[in-house]
C-alpha atoms as a PDB file:
ATOM      1  CA  MET A   1     -17.174  11.938   4.261  1.00  0.00           C
ATOM      2  CA  SER A   2     -14.072   9.850   3.489  1.00  0.00           C
ATOM      3  CA  THR A   3     -16.235   6.953   2.003  1.00  0.00           C
ATOM      4  CA  GLU A   4     -17.856   9.601  -0.317  1.00  0.00           C
ATOM      5  CA  CYS A   5     -14.463  10.831  -1.304  1.00  0.00           C
ATOM      6  CA  HIS A   6     -13.041   7.541  -1.993  1.00  0.00           C
ATOM      7  CA  ARG A   7     -16.108   6.608  -4.118  1.00  0.00           C
ATOM      8  CA  ARG A   8     -15.637   9.847  -6.154  1.00  0.00           C
ATOM      9  CA  LEU A   9     -11.872   9.464  -6.606  1.00  0.00           C
ATOM     10  CA  VAL A  10     -11.531   5.857  -7.044  1.00  0.00           C
ATOM     11  CA  ALA A  11     -14.712   3.867  -7.685  1.00  0.00           C
ATOM     12  CA  ASP A  12     -16.029   6.399 -10.355  1.00  0.00           C
ATOM     13  CA  HIS A  13     -12.743   5.810 -12.139  1.00  0.00           C
ATOM     14  CA  LEU A  14     -12.350   2.095 -11.606  1.00  0.00           C
ATOM     15  CA  THR A  15     -12.318   1.173 -15.361  1.00  0.00           C
ATOM     16  CA  ILE A  16      -9.244   3.484 -16.001  1.00  0.00           C
ATOM     17  CA  ILE A  17      -7.509   2.212 -12.789  1.00  0.00           C
ATOM     18  CA  HIS A  18      -8.201  -1.510 -13.788  1.00  0.00           C
ATOM     19  CA  SER A  19      -6.943  -0.790 -17.190  1.00  0.00           C
ATOM     20  CA  GLU A  20      -3.451   0.010 -15.711  1.00  0.00           C
ATOM     21  CA  CYS A  21      -3.288  -3.240 -13.764  1.00  0.00           C
ATOM     22  CA  GLN A  22      -1.676  -5.334 -16.554  1.00  0.00           C
ATOM     23  CA  ALA A  23       1.032  -2.835 -17.159  1.00  0.00           C
ATOM     24  CA  VAL A  24       1.756  -2.395 -13.452  1.00  0.00           C
ATOM     25  CA  VAL A  25       1.977  -6.159 -12.788  1.00  0.00           C
ATOM     26  CA  GLU A  26       3.970  -7.006 -15.967  1.00  0.00           C
ATOM     27  CA  GLY A  27       6.339  -3.992 -15.406  1.00  0.00           C
ATOM     28  CA  ASP A  28       6.991  -5.336 -11.850  1.00  0.00           C
ATOM     29  CA  ARG A  29       6.043  -1.865 -10.650  1.00  0.00           C
ATOM     30  CA  ARG A  30       5.870  -2.796  -6.908  1.00  0.00           C
ATOM     31  CA  LYS A  31       5.407   0.633  -5.520  1.00  0.00           C
ATOM     32  CA  ASP A  32       2.436   1.257  -8.053  1.00  0.00           C
ATOM     33  CA  MET A  33       1.159  -2.220  -7.131  1.00  0.00           C
ATOM     34  CA  SER A  34       1.089  -1.325  -3.589  1.00  0.00           C
ATOM     35  CA  ASN A  35      -0.666   2.013  -4.113  1.00  0.00           C
ATOM     36  CA  MET A  36      -3.142   0.268  -6.401  1.00  0.00           C
ATOM     37  CA  TYR A  37      -3.802  -2.277  -3.616  1.00  0.00           C
ATOM     38  CA  ALA A  38      -4.343   0.456  -1.068  1.00  0.00           C
ATOM     39  CA  LEU A  39      -6.765   2.224  -3.386  1.00  0.00           C
ATOM     40  CA  LEU A  40      -8.836  -0.814  -4.441  1.00  0.00           C
ATOM     41  CA  LYS A  41      -9.008  -2.716  -1.170  1.00  0.00           C
ATOM     42  CA  PRO A  42     -11.780  -0.726   0.483  1.00  0.00           C
ATOM     43  CA  LEU A  43     -14.042  -1.196  -2.566  1.00  0.00           C
ATOM     44  CA  PRO A  44     -16.318  -4.302  -2.761  1.00  0.00           C
ATOM     45  CA  LYS A  45     -14.661  -6.691  -5.324  1.00  0.00           C
ATOM     46  CA  GLY A  46     -12.089  -3.804  -6.035  1.00  0.00           C
ATOM     47  CA  LEU A  47      -9.184  -6.136  -5.966  1.00  0.00           C
ATOM     48  CA  SER A  48     -10.627  -8.850  -8.105  1.00  0.00           C
ATOM     49  CA  VAL A  49      -9.217  -7.524 -11.364  1.00  0.00           C
ATOM     50  CA  LEU A  50      -5.808  -6.854  -9.951  1.00  0.00           C
ATOM     51  CA  ALA A  51      -5.730 -10.358  -8.295  1.00  0.00           C
ATOM     52  CA  ASP A  52      -6.697 -12.083 -11.389  1.00  0.00           C
ATOM     53  CA  ILE A  53      -4.144 -10.358 -13.437  1.00  0.00           C
ATOM     54  CA  PHE A  54      -1.447 -11.015 -10.818  1.00  0.00           C
ATOM     55  CA  GLU A  55      -2.309 -14.723 -10.597  1.00  0.00           C
ATOM     56  CA  LYS A  56      -2.211 -15.091 -14.383  1.00  0.00           C
ATOM     57  CA  HIS A  57       1.275 -13.320 -14.449  1.00  0.00           C
ATOM     58  CA  VAL A  58       2.662 -15.487 -11.700  1.00  0.00           C
ATOM     59  CA  ARG A  59       1.395 -18.615 -13.546  1.00  0.00           C
ATOM     60  CA  LYS A  60       2.828 -17.487 -16.880  1.00  0.00           C
ATOM     61  CA  VAL A  61       6.266 -16.669 -15.395  1.00  0.00           C
ATOM     62  CA  GLY A  62       6.330 -19.801 -13.377  1.00  0.00           C
ATOM     63  CA  LEU A  63       5.454 -21.927 -16.473  1.00  0.00           C
ATOM     64  CA  GLU A  64       7.987 -20.137 -18.677  1.00  0.00           C
ATOM     65  CA  SER A  65      10.748 -20.837 -15.941  1.00  0.00           C
ATOM     66  CA  ILE A  66       9.777 -24.509 -15.939  1.00  0.00           C
ATOM     67  CA  GLU A  67       9.686 -24.839 -19.692  1.00  0.00           C
ATOM     68  CA  ASN A  68      13.110 -23.275 -19.992  1.00  0.00           C
ATOM     69  CA  LEU A  69      14.761 -25.745 -17.707  1.00  0.00           C
ATOM     70  CA  LYS A  70      17.370 -28.123 -18.953  1.00  0.00           C
ATOM     71  CA  GLN A  71      16.928 -31.674 -17.497  1.00  0.00           C
ATOM     72  CA  GLU A  72      20.277 -32.157 -15.988  1.00  0.00           C
ATOM     73  CA  THR A  73      20.559 -28.788 -14.177  1.00  0.00           C
ATOM     74  CA  ALA A  74      16.746 -28.282 -13.596  1.00  0.00           C
ATOM     75  CA  PRO A  75      16.780 -27.925  -9.802  1.00  0.00           C
ATOM     76  CA  VAL A  76      19.593 -25.255  -9.873  1.00  0.00           C
ATOM     77  CA  GLU A  77      18.117 -23.309 -12.741  1.00  0.00           C
ATOM     78  CA  PHE A  78      14.710 -23.356 -11.172  1.00  0.00           C
ATOM     79  CA  GLY A  79      16.153 -21.933  -7.855  1.00  0.00           C
ATOM     80  CA  LYS A  80      17.902 -19.207  -9.856  1.00  0.00           C
ATOM     81  CA  SER A  81      14.716 -18.327 -11.876  1.00  0.00           C
ATOM     82  CA  LEU A  82      12.665 -18.070  -8.626  1.00  0.00           C
ATOM     83  CA  ARG A  83      15.308 -15.736  -6.921  1.00  0.00           C
ATOM     84  CA  THR A  84      15.095 -13.290  -9.852  1.00  0.00           C
ATOM     85  CA  HIS A  85      11.341 -12.863  -9.051  1.00  0.00           C
ATOM     86  CA  ALA A  86      11.813 -12.738  -5.177  1.00  0.00           C
ATOM     87  CA  ILE A  87      10.442  -9.852  -3.245  1.00  0.00           C
ATOM     88  CA  ASN A  88      13.128  -7.357  -2.376  1.00  0.00           C
END
C-alpha cells in the first residue's frame, strides 16, 4: 500500500519535483533539501538529479571561492569562505 501511495504521490510527479532541485540547492533551502531527499530516496535513481545538481553547485561555489582569493591571504580567505558554507 505505501509503495503504491509513494509512487502516486512522488514518482508520478518526478519531473515537477526535479524541476525544483536547482532552486532548492542554490537557495540553500536545507529543510526543503532534506524533505526532497526523503521523498526521492526510496525511488530507483530518484536521487540522481538532486545529487548531480548538488555536486555542480558545490563545484561552482568552491571554484568561485578559489578564484576570488588574493595570493598573500589565500589560506585565511579560503577558510573564511568555507565557513560561510558550513552546515549549521
